[in-house]
Amino acid sequence: MEIDMDEMIFYIAKITGIHFILVASVLDAEEMFLQSKGLLEGGR
């Protein structure tokens, strides 16, 4: 089975790109959650 390197690189870039976006959005959500939690606790 022959693997086309360009196709392989594109495929990996697509997967890691999607993965990177998911990780970034999860970190964003976590940061926002912690900030709002801190604001709620600080407001007491």
Protein backbone atom coordinates (compact mmCIF):
# COMPACT_ATOMS: atom_id res chain seq x y z
CA MET A 1 0.00 0.00 0.00
CA GLU A 2 1.45 3.33 -1.06
CA ILE A 3 0.88 6.41 1.05
CA ASP A 4 0.92 9.83 -0.55
CA MET A 5 2.93 12.08 1.77
CA ASP A 6 1.03 15.25 0.84
CA GLU A 7 -2.27 13.53 1.56
CA MET A 8 -0.90 12.18 4.83
CA ILE A 9 0.35 15.60 5.98
CA PHE A 10 -2.98 17.21 5.04
CA TYR A 11 -4.88 14.49 6.94
CA ILE A 12 -2.72 14.90 10.07
CA ALA A 13 -2.95 18.70 9.87
CA LYS A 14 -6.72 18.43 9.62
CA ILE A 15 -6.95 16.16 12.69
CA THR A 16 -4.50 18.16 14.81
CA GLY A 17 -6.13 21.40 13.67
CA ILE A 18 -9.54 20.21 14.85
CA HIS A 19 -7.98 18.84 18.04
CA PHE A 20 -6.22 22.16 18.66
CA ILE A 21 -9.47 24.09 18.23
CA LEU A 22 -11.27 21.74 20.64
CA VAL A 23 -8.51 22.03 23.25
CA ALA A 24 -8.43 25.82 22.91
CA SER A 25 -12.21 26.12 23.33
CA VAL A 26 -12.18 23.80 26.35
CA LEU A 27 -9.40 25.85 27.97
CA ASP A 28 -11.34 29.05 27.19
CA ALA A 29 -14.50 27.64 28.76
CA GLU A 30 -12.59 26.48 31.83
CA GLU A 31 -10.94 29.86 32.25
CA MET A 32 -14.27 31.67 31.92
CA PHE A 33 -15.85 29.27 34.42
CA LEU A 34 -13.06 29.83 36.95
CA GLN A 35 -13.28 33.61 36.48
CA SER A 36 -17.06 33.67 37.01
CA LYS A 37 -16.69 31.35 40.01
CA GLY A 38 -14.04 33.67 41.45
CA LEU A 39 -16.31 36.66 40.89
CA LEU A 40 -19.20 34.90 42.61
CA GLU A 41 -17.06 33.91 45.60
CA GLY A 42 -15.49 37.38 45.76
CA GLY A 43 -18.92 39.02 45.69
CA ARG A 44 -20.05 37.31 48.89
